[in-house]
Amino acid sequence: MEDRYVKEKLARDNSENQFMDIFSLKDMAQSIIDDLVKWSNDEIYSRLGGKLECELVLSEAVNARASVDPADPYNPRIIIYMGMVREIYRDSLVFPILADRISAIPGHDESFKEKFGGAPSYFEGGVPDIPDKLLTPLYKIYKSAFEGKDQDARMTDKSIACRFLMFEVMLVWVFFHELSHLAQRHYLFRNDKVTVEKLEEESYEISETECAGDECVRFQAREVLADVEGSELTIRYLLRKKMFHFSSIYLLYCAQYCMFNRFYMGYEPNLDFVNKKHPHPVVRNELTSSFLTEYVIYCLVNMKGDIPVEKISMAVVYLSVKSSLISGIYWGNRYEVMSGELTPFMKLMMDEVKRDEYCSMLMRSVHEHLSVIKGHHLNRHNFTDFIGVLRFFSTDIEEDQQTQF
């Protein structure tokens, strides 16, 4: 594996850790997780006579997992390690500050303004202003605690508001990714392990046990399905909380892109098929972003309003494109050897031939899974309702990939 990371940059994480009290982070995360668990039980498990539990574990692992006994599928557990929570918070803390610096590079904002200046979602700078209705409870608690006290000049109201909104949307997505493994009943596809013994679905494992052949493709397809439904549930969360706004959508894009870059640290710098249970992070990012973009457009089009579909499409595509560029440069400057303007991850994103070949292979397996998932999904209203509605689920993969919004 190429030496694409700078040791001195990586060492900054250890230095920053002293400013991130793990118990305070756990309290912050718990307030969000408790709400998500309640919703999951009210929506899914209570009517089935079961109960979902979620635990935040004091561990350095950047990991999360869903655990279920196939003989008792209505009483599962989600475990999120605090190493994962800390990395989400780290990106949320640093990204808004560096994003504005990146955007201040001469010519950067001008290029976006020329192409997307007419988009309803357009904003100048690396992160958007956060409207009052999106100021999270954690932001309000933080502001109240530090009112009247000296703070780092870089900690502007905008960067603080973005920090806590980005933290919330990404933690929500991680939770819903794990919930999707459970609600889609992925253990049904692992015939050799459907027993009375406990089965654990592992996610976010950077160093994974290898698999091979068709088994690998199926494992990876199920990760894509969890990414996709996790994104759909996150958008439903934003709608439910009245937080569905261009600002929160942009920060969700950014947070996912950062996390997929973090997973890329355990992969080779090419798009050859990997013999792991998780797809190459570039492929995960491509498929997740494609679904998210189309689904957000669908939601906006179906809301009351007089904005033309073309304007809505431009608005969401702008958020997707800008978040990819800003997040990619952010990640490179934080951790990598930067040679030119593109990071290794960004260069692989531009290898459309190999990227699309990999995506197509996984999507064929996704479609094979969908009919079973639709018939066995634990939630009455779920992402399979959009089969036949969104192009993402089209079986005409080639046509789907060529579709331009």
Protein backbone atom coordinates (compact mmCIF):
# COMPACT_ATOMS: atom_id res chain seq x y z
CA MET A 1 0.00 0.00 0.00
CA GLU A 2 1.37 3.39 -0.96
CA ASP A 3 2.58 5.75 1.74
CA ARG A 4 -0.05 8.40 1.16
CA TYR A 5 -0.35 9.62 4.75
CA VAL A 6 1.88 12.08 6.61
CA LYS A 7 2.85 10.81 10.07
CA GLU A 8 3.03 14.30 11.50
CA LYS A 9 -0.50 15.03 10.29
CA LEU A 10 -1.83 11.77 11.70
CA ALA A 11 -0.16 12.55 15.04
CA ARG A 12 -2.37 15.65 15.36
CA ASP A 13 -5.27 13.37 16.25
CA ASN A 14 -3.56 12.28 19.46
CA SER A 15 -2.85 15.90 20.34
CA GLU A 16 -6.47 16.88 19.71
CA ASN A 17 -7.82 14.01 21.79
CA GLN A 18 -6.91 15.79 25.00
CA PHE A 19 -9.45 18.48 24.12
CA MET A 20 -12.23 15.95 23.48
CA ASP A 21 -13.41 14.56 26.79
CA ILE A 22 -14.81 11.14 26.01
CA PHE A 23 -17.41 11.25 28.77
CA SER A 24 -18.76 14.62 27.60
CA LEU A 25 -18.93 13.23 24.05
CA LYS A 26 -20.77 10.18 25.37
CA ASP A 27 -23.35 12.39 27.09
CA MET A 28 -23.86 14.41 23.90
CA ALA A 29 -24.22 11.31 21.74
CA GLN A 30 -26.51 9.61 24.26
CA SER A 31 -29.07 12.39 24.02
CA ILE A 32 -29.35 11.78 20.28
CA ILE A 33 -29.21 7.97 20.49
CA ASP A 34 -31.96 7.80 23.12
CA ASP A 35 -34.31 9.63 20.77
CA LEU A 36 -33.41 7.32 17.87
CA VAL A 37 -33.95 4.18 19.95
CA LYS A 38 -37.35 5.45 21.11
CA TRP A 39 -38.39 6.17 17.53
CA SER A 40 -37.18 2.74 16.36
CA ASN A 41 -39.15 0.96 19.06
CA ASP A 42 -42.29 3.05 18.50
CA GLU A 43 -42.04 2.56 14.73
CA ILE A 44 -40.88 -1.06 14.50
CA TYR A 45 -40.17 -3.21 17.53
CA SER A 46 -42.91 -2.42 20.07
CA ARG A 47 -45.70 -3.58 17.76
CA LEU A 48 -43.73 -6.81 17.21
CA GLY A 49 -43.49 -7.41 20.94
CA GLY A 50 -39.77 -6.70 21.03
CA LYS A 51 -37.30 -4.02 22.00
CA LEU A 52 -34.20 -2.54 20.41
CA GLU A 53 -31.33 -1.52 22.65
CA CYS A 54 -28.31 0.60 21.77
CA GLU A 55 -25.12 0.93 23.79
CA LEU A 56 -22.28 3.43 23.48
CA VAL A 57 -19.18 1.45 24.42
CA LEU A 58 -15.98 2.99 25.78
CA SER A 59 -13.58 1.66 23.17
CA GLU A 60 -11.04 3.24 20.82
CA ALA A 61 -12.39 1.22 17.88
CA VAL A 62 -13.80 3.30 15.02
CA ASN A 63 -16.58 0.82 14.63
CA ALA A 64 -20.24 -0.01 15.16
CA ARG A 65 -22.21 -3.21 14.93
CA ALA A 66 -25.69 -4.66 14.96
CA SER A 67 -26.27 -7.90 16.84
CA VAL A 68 -29.29 -10.17 16.58
CA ASP A 69 -30.23 -13.70 17.56
CA PRO A 70 -32.02 -15.16 14.49
CA ALA A 71 -34.29 -17.09 16.85
CA ASP A 72 -35.29 -13.80 18.51
CA PRO A 73 -35.08 -11.11 15.79
CA TYR A 74 -37.30 -8.62 17.61
CA ASN A 75 -34.86 -7.96 20.45
CA PRO A 76 -31.65 -6.82 18.75
CA ARG A 77 -28.81 -4.61 19.91
CA ILE A 78 -26.79 -1.86 18.27
CA ILE A 79 -23.35 -1.09 19.65
CA ILE A 80 -21.52 2.09 18.69
CA TYR A 81 -17.95 2.43 19.92
CA MET A 82 -16.88 5.76 21.32
CA GLY A 83 -13.90 5.73 18.94
CA MET A 84 -16.47 6.18 16.16
CA VAL A 85 -18.28 8.96 18.03
CA ARG A 86 -14.99 10.78 18.65
CA GLU A 87 -14.01 10.69 14.96
CA ILE A 88 -17.43 12.02 13.96
CA TYR A 89 -17.00 14.84 16.45
CA ARG A 90 -13.43 15.50 15.28
CA ASP A 91 -14.58 16.04 11.70
CA SER A 92 -17.51 18.14 12.91
CA LEU A 93 -15.18 20.29 15.01
CA VAL A 94 -12.42 20.88 12.45
CA PHE A 95 -14.19 20.68 9.10
CA PRO A 96 -16.24 23.93 9.32
CA ILE A 97 -13.09 25.93 10.16
CA LEU A 98 -10.90 24.47 7.40
CA ALA A 99 -13.73 24.43 4.86
CA ASP A 100 -14.01 28.21 4.99
CA ARG A 101 -10.24 28.51 4.53
CA ILE A 102 -10.35 26.19 1.52
CA SER A 103 -13.21 28.17 0.02
CA ALA A 104 -11.19 31.37 0.45
CA ILE A 105 -8.54 30.12 -2.00
CA PRO A 106 -8.60 32.54 -4.96
CA GLY A 107 -10.88 31.35 -7.74
CA HIS A 108 -12.53 28.64 -5.68
CA ASP A 109 -15.91 30.23 -5.01
CA GLU A 110 -15.89 31.94 -8.39
CA SER A 111 -15.91 28.61 -10.23
CA PHE A 112 -18.97 27.45 -8.31
CA LYS A 113 -20.73 30.78 -8.71
CA GLU A 114 -20.28 30.69 -12.47
CA LYS A 115 -22.00 27.31 -12.80
CA PHE A 116 -24.35 27.19 -9.79
CA GLY A 117 -24.87 30.82 -8.81
CA GLY A 118 -28.54 30.59 -9.71
CA ALA A 119 -29.19 27.54 -7.55
CA PRO A 120 -31.51 28.10 -4.56
CA SER A 121 -28.97 26.30 -2.36
CA TYR A 122 -25.95 28.41 -3.41
CA PHE A 123 -23.85 29.91 -0.62
CA GLU A 124 -20.43 31.48 -0.39
CA GLY A 125 -17.76 29.98 1.84
CA GLY A 126 -16.99 26.40 2.78
CA VAL A 127 -20.00 25.88 5.03
CA PRO A 128 -23.40 27.58 5.00
CA ASP A 129 -24.97 29.84 7.57
CA ILE A 130 -27.27 27.82 9.80
CA PRO A 131 -30.79 29.24 10.19
CA ASP A 132 -32.17 29.56 13.71
CA LYS A 133 -34.61 26.67 13.22
CA LEU A 134 -31.64 24.32 12.65
CA LEU A 135 -29.74 25.30 15.78
CA THR A 136 -29.55 22.00 17.63
CA PRO A 137 -30.13 21.49 21.38
CA LEU A 138 -26.42 20.64 21.73
CA TYR A 139 -25.48 23.96 20.13
CA LYS A 140 -27.73 25.84 22.56
CA ILE A 141 -26.27 24.00 25.55
CA TYR A 142 -22.72 24.76 24.38
CA LYS A 143 -23.45 28.44 23.73
CA SER A 144 -25.08 28.82 27.12
CA ALA A 145 -22.14 27.14 28.90
CA PHE A 146 -19.57 29.40 27.25
CA GLU A 147 -21.51 32.65 27.21
CA GLY A 148 -19.29 35.50 28.36
CA LYS A 149 -16.13 33.39 28.32
CA ASP A 150 -13.11 33.86 26.07
CA GLN A 151 -13.05 31.47 23.14
CA ASP A 152 -10.75 30.63 20.28
CA ALA A 153 -11.34 33.25 17.57
CA ARG A 154 -11.80 30.45 15.03
CA MET A 155 -14.88 29.26 16.92
CA THR A 156 -17.39 31.54 15.27
CA ASP A 157 -21.12 31.14 15.79
CA LYS A 158 -21.35 29.70 12.28
CA SER A 159 -18.62 27.10 12.82
CA ILE A 160 -20.13 26.06 16.17
CA ALA A 161 -23.63 25.75 14.67
CA CYS A 162 -22.22 23.68 11.78
CA ARG A 163 -20.24 21.53 14.22
CA PHE A 164 -23.24 20.34 16.19
CA LEU A 165 -25.50 19.96 13.16
CA MET A 166 -22.84 17.91 11.32
CA PHE A 167 -22.27 15.80 14.43
CA GLU A 168 -25.97 15.06 14.77
CA VAL A 169 -26.70 14.15 11.15
CA MET A 170 -23.68 11.83 10.92
CA LEU A 171 -24.38 10.06 14.21
CA VAL A 172 -27.97 9.60 13.05
CA TRP A 173 -26.74 8.06 9.78
CA VAL A 174 -24.41 5.65 11.60
CA PHE A 175 -27.26 4.52 13.85
CA PHE A 176 -29.65 4.07 10.94
CA HIS A 177 -27.02 2.16 8.93
CA GLU A 178 -26.92 -0.41 11.74
CA LEU A 179 -30.70 -0.39 12.17
CA SER A 180 -31.02 -1.11 8.44
CA HIS A 181 -28.97 -4.31 8.80
CA LEU A 182 -31.49 -5.42 11.43
CA ALA A 183 -34.71 -4.22 9.82
CA GLN A 184 -33.74 -5.68 6.44
CA ARG A 185 -33.00 -8.98 8.26
CA HIS A 186 -29.68 -9.56 6.57
CA TYR A 187 -29.11 -12.75 8.51
CA LEU A 188 -31.70 -14.40 6.25
CA PHE A 189 -29.14 -14.32 3.45
CA ARG A 190 -26.43 -16.11 5.43
CA ASN A 191 -27.76 -19.64 5.20
CA ASP A 192 -24.75 -21.24 6.79
CA LYS A 193 -25.19 -19.18 9.95
CA VAL A 194 -28.94 -19.02 10.50
CA THR A 195 -28.89 -20.88 13.80
CA VAL A 196 -29.90 -20.25 17.39
CA GLU A 197 -26.42 -18.86 17.99
CA LYS A 198 -26.00 -15.10 18.16
CA LEU A 199 -25.08 -13.52 14.85
CA GLU A 200 -23.24 -10.23 14.76
CA GLU A 201 -23.22 -7.92 11.77
CA GLU A 202 -20.03 -5.84 11.85
CA SER A 203 -19.72 -2.44 10.26
CA TYR A 204 -16.97 0.16 9.98
CA GLU A 205 -14.28 -2.46 10.51
CA ILE A 206 -11.16 -1.05 8.85
CA SER A 207 -9.20 -4.31 9.18
CA GLU A 208 -11.64 -6.99 8.09
CA THR A 209 -11.66 -10.75 7.68
CA GLU A 210 -11.38 -11.51 4.00
CA CYS A 211 -14.03 -13.29 1.97
CA ALA A 212 -14.01 -14.50 -1.62
CA GLY A 213 -16.02 -14.59 -4.84
CA ASP A 214 -19.81 -14.36 -4.90
CA GLU A 215 -19.96 -14.42 -1.11
CA CYS A 216 -17.96 -11.19 -1.05
CA VAL A 217 -20.23 -9.55 -3.61
CA ARG A 218 -23.29 -10.41 -1.52
CA PHE A 219 -21.74 -9.11 1.69
CA GLN A 220 -20.83 -5.85 -0.03
CA ALA A 221 -24.28 -5.50 -1.60
CA ARG A 222 -25.82 -5.70 1.86
CA GLU A 223 -23.53 -2.91 3.05
CA VAL A 224 -24.75 -0.79 0.13
CA LEU A 225 -28.34 -1.57 1.12
CA ALA A 226 -27.62 -0.48 4.70
CA ASP A 227 -25.94 2.71 3.47
CA VAL A 228 -28.91 3.48 1.25
CA GLU A 229 -31.66 2.84 3.78
CA GLY A 230 -29.57 4.57 6.44
CA SER A 231 -29.58 7.65 4.21
CA GLU A 232 -33.32 7.39 3.55
CA LEU A 233 -34.03 7.13 7.28
CA THR A 234 -31.73 10.09 7.98
CA ILE A 235 -33.69 12.25 5.55
CA ARG A 236 -36.92 11.08 7.21
CA TYR A 237 -35.37 12.07 10.54
CA LEU A 238 -34.61 15.56 9.21
CA LEU A 239 -38.16 15.87 7.93
CA ARG A 240 -39.61 14.63 11.21
CA LYS A 241 -37.48 17.06 13.24
CA LYS A 242 -38.20 19.94 10.82
CA MET A 243 -34.47 20.06 10.02
CA PHE A 244 -34.81 19.25 6.31
CA HIS A 245 -32.88 22.13 4.79
CA PHE A 246 -30.10 22.67 2.24
CA SER A 247 -27.67 23.32 5.11
CA SER A 248 -28.28 19.99 6.87
CA ILE A 249 -28.22 18.09 3.57
CA TYR A 250 -24.89 19.68 2.64
CA LEU A 251 -23.35 18.76 6.00
CA LEU A 252 -24.64 15.18 5.66
CA TYR A 253 -22.89 14.89 2.29
CA CYS A 254 -19.70 16.28 3.85
CA ALA A 255 -19.81 13.99 6.87
CA GLN A 256 -20.35 10.87 4.77
CA TYR A 257 -17.53 11.83 2.41
CA CYS A 258 -15.17 12.33 5.36
CA MET A 259 -16.12 8.98 6.86
CA PHE A 260 -15.62 7.11 3.60
CA ASN A 261 -12.19 8.75 3.32
CA ARG A 262 -11.42 7.47 6.82
CA PHE A 263 -12.35 3.92 5.79
CA TYR A 264 -10.17 4.28 2.67
CA MET A 265 -7.12 4.26 4.93
CA GLY A 266 -7.40 0.45 4.99
CA TYR A 267 -7.62 0.00 1.20
CA GLU A 268 -5.24 -0.11 -1.75
CA PRO A 269 -5.13 2.94 -4.07
CA ASN A 270 -7.02 1.28 -6.91
CA LEU A 271 -10.57 0.20 -7.74
CA ASP A 272 -9.92 -3.51 -8.09
CA PHE A 273 -12.59 -5.61 -6.40
CA VAL A 274 -11.66 -6.07 -2.74
CA ASN A 275 -12.05 -9.38 -0.93
CA LYS A 276 -13.65 -7.76 2.09
CA LYS A 277 -17.16 -7.63 3.48
CA HIS A 278 -17.36 -3.90 2.83
CA PRO A 279 -17.07 -2.39 -0.66
CA HIS A 280 -14.24 -0.09 -1.59
CA PRO A 281 -15.07 3.24 0.12
CA VAL A 282 -15.00 5.08 -3.22
CA VAL A 283 -17.77 2.78 -4.43
CA ARG A 284 -19.73 3.15 -1.20
CA ASN A 285 -19.49 6.92 -1.52
CA GLU A 286 -20.58 6.87 -5.16
CA LEU A 287 -23.65 4.71 -4.56
CA THR A 288 -24.68 6.41 -1.32
CA SER A 289 -24.30 9.87 -2.82
CA SER A 290 -26.22 8.85 -5.96
CA PHE A 291 -29.14 7.58 -3.91
CA LEU A 292 -29.10 10.55 -1.54
CA THR A 293 -29.08 13.05 -4.40
CA GLU A 294 -32.02 11.45 -6.17
CA TYR A 295 -34.02 10.92 -2.98
CA VAL A 296 -33.56 14.52 -1.79
CA ILE A 297 -34.65 15.79 -5.21
CA TYR A 298 -37.70 13.50 -5.02
CA CYS A 299 -38.62 14.85 -1.57
CA LEU A 300 -38.24 18.47 -2.64
CA VAL A 301 -40.20 18.00 -5.87
CA ASN A 302 -43.08 16.47 -3.92
CA MET A 303 -43.26 19.33 -1.44
CA LYS A 304 -45.59 22.21 -2.09
CA GLY A 305 -43.82 25.04 -3.85
CA ASP A 306 -43.34 26.74 -7.17
CA ILE A 307 -39.62 26.04 -7.74
CA PRO A 308 -39.12 24.31 -11.12
CA VAL A 309 -37.77 20.77 -11.06
CA GLU A 310 -34.68 21.92 -12.96
CA LYS A 311 -33.88 24.45 -10.22
CA ILE A 312 -34.37 21.82 -7.51
CA SER A 313 -32.08 19.40 -9.33
CA MET A 314 -29.43 22.08 -9.75
CA ALA A 315 -29.67 22.95 -6.05
CA VAL A 316 -29.06 19.39 -4.86
CA VAL A 317 -26.38 18.58 -7.42
CA TYR A 318 -24.56 21.74 -6.34
CA LEU A 319 -24.55 20.54 -2.72
CA SER A 320 -23.25 17.14 -3.79
CA VAL A 321 -20.50 18.50 -6.03
CA LYS A 322 -19.34 21.22 -3.63
CA SER A 323 -19.33 18.89 -0.63
CA SER A 324 -17.19 16.35 -2.51
CA LEU A 325 -14.60 18.92 -3.48
CA ILE A 326 -14.41 20.73 -0.13
CA SER A 327 -14.42 17.49 1.89
CA GLY A 328 -11.80 15.89 -0.34
CA ILE A 329 -9.40 18.84 -0.04
CA TYR A 330 -10.10 19.01 3.70
CA TRP A 331 -9.19 15.35 4.15
CA GLY A 332 -6.04 15.64 2.05
CA ASN A 333 -4.79 18.67 3.95
CA ARG A 334 -5.56 17.01 7.28
CA TYR A 335 -3.86 13.67 6.69
CA GLU A 336 -2.31 13.05 3.29
CA VAL A 337 0.59 13.87 1.02
CA MET A 338 -0.97 16.38 -1.34
CA SER A 339 0.43 16.24 -4.85
CA GLY A 340 -1.63 18.63 -6.91
CA GLU A 341 -5.22 19.57 -6.16
CA LEU A 342 -6.70 16.05 -5.98
CA THR A 343 -6.28 13.44 -3.27
CA PRO A 344 -5.89 9.71 -4.14
CA PHE A 345 -9.55 9.19 -3.15
CA MET A 346 -10.67 11.99 -5.45
CA LYS A 347 -8.61 10.61 -8.33
CA LEU A 348 -10.26 7.21 -7.94
CA MET A 349 -13.66 8.92 -7.92
CA MET A 350 -12.80 10.24 -11.39
CA ASP A 351 -11.96 6.77 -12.76
CA GLU A 352 -15.48 6.39 -14.12
CA VAL A 353 -14.87 3.15 -16.05
CA LYS A 354 -13.59 1.06 -13.13
CA ARG A 355 -15.86 2.80 -10.63
CA ASP A 356 -18.98 2.09 -12.69
CA GLU A 357 -17.93 -1.52 -13.32
CA TYR A 358 -17.64 -2.07 -9.58
CA CYS A 359 -20.93 -0.28 -8.89
CA SER A 360 -22.76 -2.28 -11.56
CA MET A 361 -21.57 -5.57 -10.13
CA LEU A 362 -22.81 -4.64 -6.66
CA MET A 363 -26.11 -3.27 -7.96
CA ARG A 364 -26.88 -6.56 -9.68
CA SER A 365 -26.55 -8.24 -6.29
CA VAL A 366 -28.56 -5.45 -4.64
CA HIS A 367 -31.47 -6.20 -6.98
CA GLU A 368 -31.24 -9.90 -6.18
CA HIS A 369 -31.60 -9.04 -2.48
CA LEU A 370 -34.43 -6.52 -2.82
CA SER A 371 -37.32 -8.91 -3.48
CA VAL A 372 -36.53 -10.89 -0.33
CA ILE A 373 -35.98 -7.74 1.74
CA LYS A 374 -39.25 -6.22 0.54
CA GLY A 375 -41.15 -9.29 1.69
CA HIS A 376 -39.42 -9.62 5.07
CA HIS A 377 -38.60 -6.05 6.12
CA LEU A 378 -39.58 -5.40 9.73
CA ASN A 379 -40.81 -1.85 9.09
CA ARG A 380 -44.13 -1.49 7.30
CA HIS A 381 -43.01 1.67 5.50
CA ASN A 382 -39.42 1.46 4.30
CA PHE A 383 -37.05 2.28 1.48
CA THR A 384 -38.36 -0.55 -0.73
CA ASP A 385 -41.47 1.59 -1.24
CA PHE A 386 -39.34 3.54 -3.72
CA ILE A 387 -38.64 0.58 -5.99
CA GLY A 388 -40.13 1.62 -9.32
CA VAL A 389 -40.13 5.25 -8.18
CA LEU A 390 -36.43 6.16 -7.99
CA ARG A 391 -34.05 5.47 -10.87
CA PHE A 392 -31.48 4.27 -8.35
CA PHE A 393 -33.44 1.01 -8.06
CA SER A 394 -33.81 0.58 -11.81
CA THR A 395 -32.64 -2.78 -13.11
CA ASP A 396 -31.41 -1.02 -16.23
CA ILE A 397 -28.08 -0.22 -14.62
CA GLU A 398 -26.41 1.15 -17.71
CA GLU A 399 -29.23 3.63 -18.34
CA ASP A 400 -29.25 4.57 -14.68
CA GLN A 401 -25.58 5.46 -14.64
CA GLN A 402 -25.91 7.65 -17.72
CA THR A 403 -28.80 9.64 -16.29
CA GLN A 404 -27.84 13.23 -15.65
CA PHE A 405 -29.91 15.45 -13.39
